[in-house]
């Protein structure tokens, strides 16, 4: 019944790539389960593979007693001494089951257990092998589509390239070669699931590592990367050798290096930016080709407010906000872009709103606007002390101004706030990916307006040179 086990062990080991001792252990465990099922689960059994005889030995352990009450658990002293002359009452004796008389069903059950154990071992081997290859590039063959996902043959295993990880516009057919970034390997009920990506910024990084030897040997470092797959990407690079231009090295002779990557990414345009530790200077490069007039950085809020001339606004924002989004991803900061002309327009409207109040002159209105008082509603909500300090007047005079303004609001004779100009906020971008740096920053639509309000306050001083008419 157990004949040619060695051949089965060798065959399973070669076909599945599983070590011999794993297969042997699977066989021993399978027949142990079968023995318990056949002879009683309350008994104690042991199975051993005898390599010399190429056979499975099954032992049933019994307690040596004077009077046998349970033949499964006990053996009489006389029978025990026939097997072992030194056996005594209280000993436990392993009795070999010479002919187990397993039925075809028993053998089939054992086979199922063996193959399941070997399959589990095979899954563990695959998981360990590919787990170590996370964050690497892999190459495989497209086999089929499953619910929009591409199943990719990697040789020893099959990986999944989810629909969302395929570059827009790509269309692979069965048999096509696919290069992708091994994003993660997770163990599921069906075995290890190998997940690939062609849209991750890390796919871009790994392609540069292959194409640019200076990156592979550590001379040039990619500090940050950002992508809008299939459209545009930005990477920031730094050279450890002052004699090597990191941007030029990545571009290559006549653009050969970067062009190979562009071809792999289906024509995705790539901007290569020199990394600079000074965030203000680096941000100007990240927002290229737009020319930046001024940048205000708030490290605590991880945001920056960028001022541009009117003719640079569209360039800074980019098509559908693409340029500013990629710059935000590259720097890891929220970026608010504001044109000088539109900001001045809003400040003018704010001053005009304040000039409705009795006692508020044009200089007073400008001073209030510069400290964040943008309308009548703001004015009546602040303290007399703050008004006095801003306008350099007595607190009593400041309180008088506030009282008059409050009365005018209650009478309905003044407009409390200015009309909001929806086009004023040119663009607000939040980093969705911080590249290689650990610069993740979360933001929500709910607080964007509040953040921009703070941005306005910080920018007013810089724009004070503009005369408000």
Protein backbone atom coordinates (compact mmCIF):
# COMPACT_ATOMS: atom_id res chain seq x y z
CA UNK A 1 0.00 0.00 0.00
CA UNK A 2 2.91 2.37 0.79
CA UNK A 3 5.13 1.15 -2.04
CA UNK A 4 7.32 3.53 -4.05
CA UNK A 5 6.95 6.31 -1.47
CA UNK A 6 10.50 7.50 -2.19
CA UNK A 7 9.56 8.07 -5.83
CA UNK A 8 6.49 10.07 -4.77
CA UNK A 9 8.59 12.13 -2.35
CA UNK A 10 11.19 12.93 -5.02
CA UNK A 11 8.56 13.74 -7.64
CA UNK A 12 6.64 16.10 -5.35
CA UNK A 13 9.85 17.80 -4.31
CA UNK A 14 10.94 18.46 -7.89
CA UNK A 15 7.53 19.45 -9.28
CA UNK A 16 6.61 21.80 -6.46
CA UNK A 17 10.07 22.98 -5.43
CA UNK A 18 9.44 21.79 -1.87
CA UNK A 19 12.24 20.38 0.27
CA UNK A 20 12.27 16.62 0.82
CA UNK A 21 11.81 16.80 4.59
CA UNK A 22 8.66 18.92 4.10
CA UNK A 23 7.14 16.24 1.84
CA UNK A 24 8.12 13.46 4.28
CA UNK A 25 6.55 15.37 7.16
CA UNK A 26 3.37 15.88 5.09
CA UNK A 27 3.14 12.13 4.43
CA UNK A 28 3.70 11.28 8.09
CA UNK A 29 1.04 13.80 9.18
CA UNK A 30 -1.42 12.50 6.59
CA UNK A 31 -1.21 8.91 7.76
CA UNK A 32 -1.30 10.01 11.39
CA UNK A 33 -4.68 11.68 10.73
CA UNK A 34 -5.88 8.59 8.84
CA UNK A 35 -4.80 6.26 11.66
CA UNK A 36 -6.66 8.30 14.28
CA UNK A 37 -9.76 8.28 12.13
CA UNK A 38 -9.58 4.49 11.66
CA UNK A 39 -8.49 3.30 15.11
CA UNK A 40 -10.02 5.90 17.39
CA UNK A 41 -9.21 9.53 18.04
CA UNK A 42 -8.73 8.86 21.75
CA UNK A 43 -5.67 6.74 21.03
CA UNK A 44 -2.09 8.04 20.83
CA UNK A 45 -0.30 7.37 17.55
CA UNK A 46 2.97 8.10 15.85
CA UNK A 47 3.93 7.71 12.19
CA UNK A 48 7.47 7.47 10.85
CA UNK A 49 8.83 7.20 7.33
CA UNK A 50 11.33 4.35 7.15
CA UNK A 51 13.68 5.40 4.36
CA UNK A 52 15.49 2.06 4.30
CA UNK A 53 12.31 0.02 3.78
CA UNK A 54 10.57 2.85 1.89
CA UNK A 55 7.55 2.43 4.10
CA UNK A 56 5.41 4.26 6.64
CA UNK A 57 5.47 2.78 10.13
CA UNK A 58 2.45 3.42 12.36
CA UNK A 59 2.77 3.03 16.13
CA UNK A 60 -0.02 2.97 18.67
CA UNK A 61 1.03 3.86 22.22
CA UNK A 62 -0.62 1.92 25.04
CA UNK A 63 -0.30 1.89 28.82
CA UNK A 64 0.86 -1.40 30.36
CA UNK A 65 -1.78 -2.61 32.87
CA UNK A 66 -2.65 -5.80 34.71
CA UNK A 67 -6.28 -5.88 33.55
CA UNK A 68 -7.20 -4.35 30.18
CA UNK A 69 -10.37 -2.26 30.25
CA UNK A 70 -9.81 -0.28 27.01
CA UNK A 71 -7.93 -2.12 24.24
CA UNK A 72 -7.25 1.13 22.39
CA UNK A 73 -5.42 2.73 25.30
CA UNK A 74 -4.16 -0.28 27.27
CA UNK A 75 -2.17 -3.53 26.85
CA UNK A 76 -1.83 -6.39 29.29
CA UNK A 77 1.43 -7.15 31.04
CA UNK A 78 1.74 -10.50 29.28
CA UNK A 79 1.28 -9.03 25.77
CA UNK A 80 3.62 -6.18 26.61
CA UNK A 81 6.40 -8.54 27.74
CA UNK A 82 6.16 -10.41 24.44
CA UNK A 83 7.04 -7.17 22.69
CA UNK A 84 9.46 -5.91 25.32
CA UNK A 85 10.63 -8.30 28.08
CA UNK A 86 11.49 -5.35 30.31
CA UNK A 87 8.00 -3.84 30.15
CA UNK A 88 6.36 -3.18 33.53
CA UNK A 89 2.99 -1.99 34.77
CA UNK A 90 2.76 1.78 34.33
CA UNK A 91 5.03 1.86 31.28
CA UNK A 92 3.86 3.17 27.92
CA UNK A 93 4.63 0.93 24.99
CA UNK A 94 4.61 1.75 21.28
CA UNK A 95 2.96 -1.10 19.37
CA UNK A 96 3.51 -1.15 15.63
CA UNK A 97 0.38 -1.72 13.55
CA UNK A 98 1.76 -4.28 11.11
CA UNK A 99 -1.09 -4.31 8.64
CA UNK A 100 -3.29 -1.23 9.00
CA UNK A 101 -5.86 -2.47 6.45
CA UNK A 102 -6.50 1.00 5.11
CA UNK A 103 -9.41 1.15 2.69
CA UNK A 104 -9.35 3.01 -0.62
CA UNK A 105 -11.20 5.87 1.08
CA UNK A 106 -8.52 6.02 3.81
CA UNK A 107 -5.76 6.19 1.22
CA UNK A 108 -7.61 8.87 -0.75
CA UNK A 109 -8.00 10.93 2.42
CA UNK A 110 -4.28 10.59 3.10
CA UNK A 111 -3.48 11.70 -0.46
CA UNK A 112 -5.65 14.79 -0.09
CA UNK A 113 -3.93 15.71 3.15
CA UNK A 114 -0.50 15.18 1.59
CA UNK A 115 -1.24 17.40 -1.38
CA UNK A 116 -2.79 20.05 0.87
CA UNK A 117 0.27 20.09 3.13
CA UNK A 118 2.60 20.28 0.15
CA UNK A 119 0.47 23.04 -1.38
CA UNK A 120 0.61 25.01 1.87
CA UNK A 121 4.39 24.58 1.98
CA UNK A 122 4.61 25.67 -1.65
CA UNK A 123 2.59 28.81 -0.86
CA UNK A 124 4.85 29.65 2.07
CA UNK A 125 7.92 29.24 -0.15
CA UNK A 126 6.42 31.50 -2.84
CA UNK A 127 5.37 34.06 -0.25
CA UNK A 128 8.85 34.19 1.29
CA UNK A 129 10.54 34.38 -2.10
CA UNK A 130 8.44 37.23 -3.46
CA UNK A 131 8.09 39.05 -0.13
CA UNK A 132 11.82 39.69 -0.32
CA UNK A 133 11.32 41.17 -3.80
CA UNK A 134 8.88 43.87 -2.73
CA UNK A 135 9.94 47.32 -4.01
CA UNK A 136 11.67 45.77 -7.03
CA UNK A 137 10.89 45.76 -10.73
CA UNK A 138 9.65 42.47 -12.13
CA UNK A 139 8.95 41.34 -15.68
CA UNK A 140 6.27 38.85 -16.69
CA UNK A 141 3.88 37.81 -19.43
CA UNK A 142 0.24 38.91 -19.58
CA UNK A 143 -1.95 35.80 -19.49
CA UNK A 144 -5.56 36.92 -19.16
CA UNK A 145 -7.96 39.53 -17.84
CA UNK A 146 -10.02 38.94 -14.71
CA UNK A 147 -12.58 41.65 -13.89
CA UNK A 148 -10.44 44.26 -15.59
CA UNK A 149 -7.27 43.15 -13.79
CA UNK A 150 -4.37 41.61 -15.71
CA UNK A 151 -2.97 38.29 -14.49
CA UNK A 152 0.78 38.29 -15.08
CA UNK A 153 2.89 35.13 -15.27
CA UNK A 154 6.15 35.64 -13.35
CA UNK A 155 7.39 32.09 -13.93
CA UNK A 156 7.07 30.52 -10.50
CA UNK A 157 3.95 32.45 -9.61
CA UNK A 158 1.14 34.53 -11.03
CA UNK A 159 0.78 38.18 -10.08
CA UNK A 160 -2.09 40.63 -10.40
CA UNK A 161 -1.87 44.03 -12.06
CA UNK A 162 -5.05 45.79 -10.88
CA UNK A 163 -6.97 47.95 -13.32
CA UNK A 164 -6.24 51.08 -11.26
CA UNK A 165 -2.50 50.36 -11.46
CA UNK A 166 -2.46 50.32 -15.27
CA UNK A 167 -1.37 53.55 -16.99
CA UNK A 168 -4.38 55.19 -18.68
CA UNK A 169 -4.47 54.26 -22.35
CA UNK A 170 -2.46 51.06 -21.97
CA UNK A 171 -3.89 47.95 -23.58
CA UNK A 172 -2.09 44.67 -23.00
CA UNK A 173 -2.94 41.48 -24.86
CA UNK A 174 -2.27 37.91 -23.67
CA UNK A 175 1.35 37.12 -24.41
CA UNK A 176 2.57 40.73 -24.06
CA UNK A 177 5.62 41.38 -21.91
CA UNK A 178 4.86 43.53 -18.85
CA UNK A 179 7.34 45.34 -16.64
CA UNK A 180 5.96 46.56 -13.32
CA UNK A 181 6.79 47.57 -9.76
CA UNK A 182 6.20 44.84 -7.17
CA UNK A 183 4.06 46.83 -4.78
CA UNK A 184 3.26 44.25 -2.11
CA UNK A 185 2.85 40.55 -1.38
CA UNK A 186 0.03 39.48 0.94
CA UNK A 187 -1.04 36.03 2.08
CA UNK A 188 -4.68 35.24 1.34
CA UNK A 189 -6.85 32.14 1.74
CA UNK A 190 -5.93 31.20 -1.82
CA UNK A 191 -2.23 31.64 -1.23
CA UNK A 192 0.17 34.56 -1.73
CA UNK A 193 -1.20 37.44 -3.81
CA UNK A 194 1.49 39.39 -5.64
CA UNK A 195 0.31 42.90 -6.48
CA UNK A 196 1.97 44.95 -9.19
CA UNK A 197 1.79 48.60 -10.20
CA UNK A 198 2.69 50.67 -13.22
CA UNK A 199 1.22 53.90 -11.83
CA UNK A 200 3.21 54.17 -8.60
CA UNK A 201 5.85 56.94 -8.40
CA UNK A 202 8.19 54.17 -7.26
CA UNK A 203 7.85 52.54 -10.71
CA UNK A 204 9.29 55.75 -12.14
CA UNK A 205 12.09 55.73 -9.54
CA UNK A 206 13.06 52.12 -10.29
CA UNK A 207 13.13 52.78 -14.03
CA UNK A 208 15.60 55.63 -13.43
CA UNK A 209 17.72 53.32 -11.27
CA UNK A 210 18.00 50.94 -14.22
CA UNK A 211 18.66 53.59 -16.87
CA UNK A 212 21.05 55.82 -14.88
CA UNK A 213 24.16 54.01 -13.54
CA UNK A 214 24.96 56.96 -11.27
CA UNK A 215 21.69 56.36 -9.41
CA UNK A 216 22.37 52.62 -9.10
CA UNK A 217 25.84 53.21 -7.62
CA UNK A 218 24.60 55.92 -5.22
CA UNK A 219 26.34 58.91 -6.80
CA UNK A 220 22.96 60.45 -7.61
CA UNK A 221 19.99 60.14 -5.28
CA UNK A 222 16.33 60.55 -6.17
CA UNK A 223 14.98 62.57 -3.26
CA UNK A 224 11.34 62.80 -4.29
CA UNK A 225 9.03 61.75 -7.11
CA UNK A 226 5.51 62.63 -8.22
CA UNK A 227 3.33 61.34 -11.06
CA UNK A 228 0.06 61.76 -12.81
CA UNK A 229 0.32 58.45 -14.69
CA UNK A 230 0.30 58.70 -18.45
CA UNK A 231 0.44 62.51 -18.42
CA UNK A 232 3.27 64.09 -16.48
CA UNK A 233 5.81 63.39 -13.74
CA UNK A 234 8.44 65.25 -11.72
CA UNK A 235 11.49 63.90 -9.91
CA UNK A 236 13.97 65.71 -7.69
CA UNK A 237 17.58 64.53 -7.84
CA UNK A 238 20.72 65.28 -5.83
CA UNK A 239 24.37 64.49 -6.67
CA UNK A 240 26.90 63.45 -4.04
CA UNK A 241 29.66 64.45 -6.47
CA UNK A 242 29.78 68.19 -7.18
CA UNK A 243 31.38 67.48 -10.56
CA UNK A 244 28.37 65.47 -11.74
CA UNK A 245 25.25 67.29 -12.88
CA UNK A 246 22.34 65.14 -11.58
CA UNK A 247 19.83 66.54 -14.06
CA UNK A 248 22.14 66.05 -17.04
CA UNK A 249 23.02 62.52 -15.95
CA UNK A 250 19.35 61.58 -15.73
CA UNK A 251 18.57 63.13 -19.12
CA UNK A 252 21.48 61.36 -20.81
CA UNK A 253 23.22 62.06 -24.11
CA UNK A 254 20.67 63.72 -26.40
CA UNK A 255 17.97 62.71 -23.93
CA UNK A 256 18.53 58.98 -24.49
CA UNK A 257 18.15 57.89 -20.87
CA UNK A 258 14.99 59.77 -20.05
CA UNK A 259 13.51 58.93 -23.46
CA UNK A 260 13.70 55.19 -22.72
CA UNK A 261 11.70 55.80 -19.56
CA UNK A 262 9.19 58.02 -21.36
CA UNK A 263 8.63 55.23 -23.89
CA UNK A 264 8.01 52.70 -21.11
CA UNK A 265 5.51 55.09 -19.51
CA UNK A 266 3.50 55.56 -22.70
CA UNK A 267 4.82 59.04 -23.46
CA UNK A 268 4.50 60.46 -19.95
CA UNK A 269 6.33 63.82 -19.84
CA UNK A 270 9.03 63.90 -17.14
CA UNK A 271 10.43 67.04 -15.48
CA UNK A 272 13.78 66.51 -13.74
CA UNK A 273 14.45 69.02 -10.97
CA UNK A 274 17.63 69.58 -8.99
CA UNK A 275 17.04 68.97 -5.28
CA UNK A 276 17.98 71.88 -3.00
CA UNK A 277 17.74 71.81 0.80
CA UNK A 278 16.36 75.35 0.84
CA UNK A 279 12.62 74.66 0.49
CA UNK A 280 11.89 78.12 -0.87
CA UNK A 281 14.43 77.76 -3.70
CA UNK A 282 13.46 74.15 -4.36
CA UNK A 283 9.77 75.05 -4.58
CA UNK A 284 10.53 77.55 -7.34
CA UNK A 285 12.17 74.75 -9.32
CA UNK A 286 9.31 72.37 -8.55
CA UNK A 287 6.80 74.89 -9.96
CA UNK A 288 8.81 75.46 -13.15
CA UNK A 289 8.33 76.57 -15.87
CA UNK A 290 6.33 79.29 -14.05
CA UNK A 291 8.25 82.26 -12.63
CA UNK A 292 7.46 82.84 -8.95
CA UNK A 293 7.33 86.32 -7.44
CA UNK A 294 7.27 85.31 -3.78
CA UNK A 295 6.80 82.28 -1.54
CA UNK A 296 5.61 82.26 2.08
CA UNK A 297 6.27 78.96 3.91
CA UNK A 298 4.42 77.73 6.99
CA UNK A 299 6.34 74.71 8.30
CA UNK A 300 3.91 74.12 11.16
CA UNK A 301 1.00 73.83 8.74
CA UNK A 302 3.16 72.20 6.03
CA UNK A 303 1.85 74.65 3.49
CA UNK A 304 3.18 77.43 1.30
CA UNK A 305 1.56 80.44 -0.34
CA UNK A 306 2.91 81.29 -3.75
CA UNK A 307 2.50 84.70 -5.37
CA UNK A 308 2.80 84.99 -9.15
CA UNK A 309 2.31 87.68 -11.74
CA UNK A 310 -0.95 87.55 -13.67
CA UNK A 311 0.68 86.24 -16.84
CA UNK A 312 2.33 83.39 -14.90
CA UNK A 313 -0.81 82.16 -13.15
CA UNK A 314 -1.97 79.66 -15.78
CA UNK A 315 1.58 78.34 -16.19
CA UNK A 316 2.00 77.84 -12.44
CA UNK A 317 -1.30 76.02 -12.12
CA UNK A 318 -0.80 73.94 -15.24
CA UNK A 319 -3.37 72.11 -17.30
CA UNK A 320 -6.25 71.13 -15.00
CA UNK A 321 -4.02 72.04 -12.02
CA UNK A 322 -1.44 69.43 -12.95
CA UNK A 323 1.72 71.52 -12.39
CA UNK A 324 0.79 72.70 -8.91
CA UNK A 325 -0.42 69.23 -7.84
CA UNK A 326 2.85 67.61 -8.89
CA UNK A 327 4.84 70.36 -7.17
CA UNK A 328 2.85 69.74 -3.98
CA UNK A 329 3.58 66.03 -4.19
CA UNK A 330 7.25 66.71 -4.85
CA UNK A 331 7.70 69.08 -1.91
CA UNK A 332 5.25 67.40 0.47
CA UNK A 333 3.61 70.77 1.22
CA UNK A 334 0.16 72.13 0.43
CA UNK A 335 0.55 74.85 -2.17
CA UNK A 336 -1.78 77.83 -2.60
CA UNK A 337 -1.18 79.89 -5.74
CA UNK A 338 -2.38 83.49 -5.81
CA UNK A 339 -2.00 86.16 -8.48
CA UNK A 340 -0.92 89.61 -7.31
CA UNK A 341 -3.61 91.34 -9.36
CA UNK A 342 -6.48 89.27 -7.96
CA UNK A 343 -5.20 89.54 -4.41
CA UNK A 344 -4.93 93.30 -4.78
CA UNK A 345 -8.48 93.32 -6.16
CA UNK A 346 -9.77 91.51 -3.11
CA UNK A 347 -7.87 93.76 -0.74
CA UNK A 348 -9.38 96.77 -2.50
CA UNK A 349 -12.88 95.34 -2.05
CA UNK A 350 -12.13 94.70 1.62
CA UNK A 351 -11.01 98.30 2.16
CA UNK A 352 -14.10 99.62 0.37
CA UNK A 353 -16.29 97.53 2.63
CA UNK A 354 -14.64 98.99 5.76
CA UNK A 355 -14.93 102.56 4.42
CA UNK A 356 -18.71 102.31 4.90
CA UNK A 357 -18.14 102.81 8.63
CA UNK A 358 -18.20 106.21 10.30
CA UNK A 359 -14.73 107.21 11.45
CA UNK A 360 -12.86 104.71 9.23
CA UNK A 361 -10.59 106.59 6.83
CA UNK A 362 -8.70 105.16 3.86
CA UNK A 363 -5.40 104.78 5.84
CA UNK A 364 -7.30 103.09 8.67
CA UNK A 365 -8.98 100.71 6.21
CA UNK A 366 -5.62 99.74 4.68
CA UNK A 367 -4.06 99.12 8.11
CA UNK A 368 -7.01 96.93 9.17
CA UNK A 369 -6.90 94.91 5.96
CA UNK A 370 -3.19 94.24 6.43
CA UNK A 371 -3.86 92.58 9.82
CA UNK A 372 -6.68 90.41 8.49
CA UNK A 373 -9.79 92.54 9.02
CA UNK A 374 -11.47 91.96 5.65
CA UNK A 375 -14.98 93.35 6.23
CA UNK A 376 -17.37 95.01 8.67
CA UNK A 377 -18.20 91.63 10.22
CA UNK A 378 -14.54 91.09 11.08
CA UNK A 379 -14.24 94.60 12.51
CA UNK A 380 -17.09 94.31 15.03
CA UNK A 381 -15.88 90.91 16.21
CA UNK A 382 -12.41 91.98 17.34
CA UNK A 383 -11.51 93.66 20.63
CA UNK A 384 -11.08 97.38 21.17
CA UNK A 385 -7.52 96.75 22.33
CA UNK A 386 -6.61 95.10 19.00
CA UNK A 387 -8.20 97.92 17.02
CA UNK A 388 -6.37 100.51 19.14
CA UNK A 389 -3.03 98.78 18.63
CA UNK A 390 -3.54 98.43 14.86
CA UNK A 391 -4.67 102.03 14.30
CA UNK A 392 -2.42 103.59 17.00
CA UNK A 393 -5.37 105.23 18.77
CA UNK A 394 -6.79 105.22 22.29
CA UNK A 395 -8.77 102.18 23.41
CA UNK A 396 -11.78 104.41 24.18
CA UNK A 397 -11.71 105.76 20.62
CA UNK A 398 -11.44 102.23 19.26
CA UNK A 399 -14.43 101.11 21.34
CA UNK A 400 -16.40 104.09 20.02
CA UNK A 401 -15.67 103.02 16.43
CA UNK A 402 -16.77 99.45 17.19
CA UNK A 403 -19.98 100.64 18.86
CA UNK A 404 -20.85 102.82 15.86
CA UNK A 405 -20.17 99.94 13.48
CA UNK A 406 -22.32 97.56 15.54
CA UNK A 407 -25.20 100.04 15.48
CA UNK A 408 -24.94 100.41 11.70
CA UNK A 409 -25.03 96.63 11.27
CA UNK A 410 -28.11 96.35 13.50
CA UNK A 411 -29.80 99.10 11.48
CA UNK A 412 -28.93 97.34 8.24
CA UNK A 413 -27.33 100.41 6.72
CA UNK A 414 -24.01 98.72 5.85
CA UNK A 415 -22.95 95.67 3.89
CA UNK A 416 -21.39 93.27 6.41
CA UNK A 417 -19.18 91.31 3.97
CA UNK A 418 -17.77 91.65 0.46
CA UNK A 419 -18.98 89.55 -2.47
CA UNK A 420 -16.81 86.43 -2.70
CA UNK A 421 -14.99 85.98 -5.98
CA UNK A 422 -14.86 82.24 -6.68
CA UNK A 423 -12.09 82.74 -9.22
CA UNK A 424 -9.85 84.47 -6.71
CA UNK A 425 -8.33 81.27 -5.32
CA UNK A 426 -6.46 80.19 -8.41
CA UNK A 427 -5.52 76.73 -7.21
CA UNK A 428 -5.01 74.79 -4.02
CA UNK A 429 -3.09 71.53 -4.23
CA UNK A 430 -2.61 68.91 -1.56
CA UNK A 431 0.19 66.33 -1.83
CA UNK A 432 -1.23 62.88 -2.53
CA UNK A 433 2.22 61.28 -2.48
CA UNK A 434 5.36 62.64 -0.88
CA UNK A 435 7.76 60.67 -3.06
CA UNK A 436 10.78 59.14 -1.40
CA UNK A 437 10.58 61.53 1.54
CA UNK A 438 8.46 60.90 4.58
CA UNK A 439 6.56 64.12 4.06
CA UNK A 440 2.98 62.90 3.99
CA UNK A 441 0.49 65.65 4.75
CA UNK A 442 -3.25 65.19 5.01
CA UNK A 443 -5.77 67.85 4.16
CA UNK A 444 -9.50 68.03 3.60
CA UNK A 445 -11.76 70.23 1.54
CA UNK A 446 -13.43 71.46 4.72
CA UNK A 447 -10.39 73.36 5.97
CA UNK A 448 -8.99 74.60 2.65
CA UNK A 449 -10.89 77.89 2.90
CA UNK A 450 -9.57 78.48 6.41
CA UNK A 451 -6.01 77.77 5.31
CA UNK A 452 -6.33 80.20 2.44
CA UNK A 453 -7.63 82.87 4.80
CA UNK A 454 -4.42 82.47 6.81
CA UNK A 455 -2.45 82.64 3.59
CA UNK A 456 -4.02 85.97 2.73
CA UNK A 457 -2.97 87.44 6.06
CA UNK A 458 0.65 86.44 5.57
CA UNK A 459 0.69 87.85 2.06
CA UNK A 460 -0.77 91.27 2.83
CA UNK A 461 2.44 92.63 4.24
CA UNK A 462 4.33 91.63 1.09
CA UNK A 463 1.66 93.31 -1.04
CA UNK A 464 1.49 96.47 1.05
CA UNK A 465 3.48 98.28 -1.62
CA UNK A 466 0.43 98.12 -3.89
CA UNK A 467 -1.66 101.26 -3.48
CA UNK A 468 -5.28 100.44 -2.75
CA UNK A 469 -7.57 102.85 -4.53
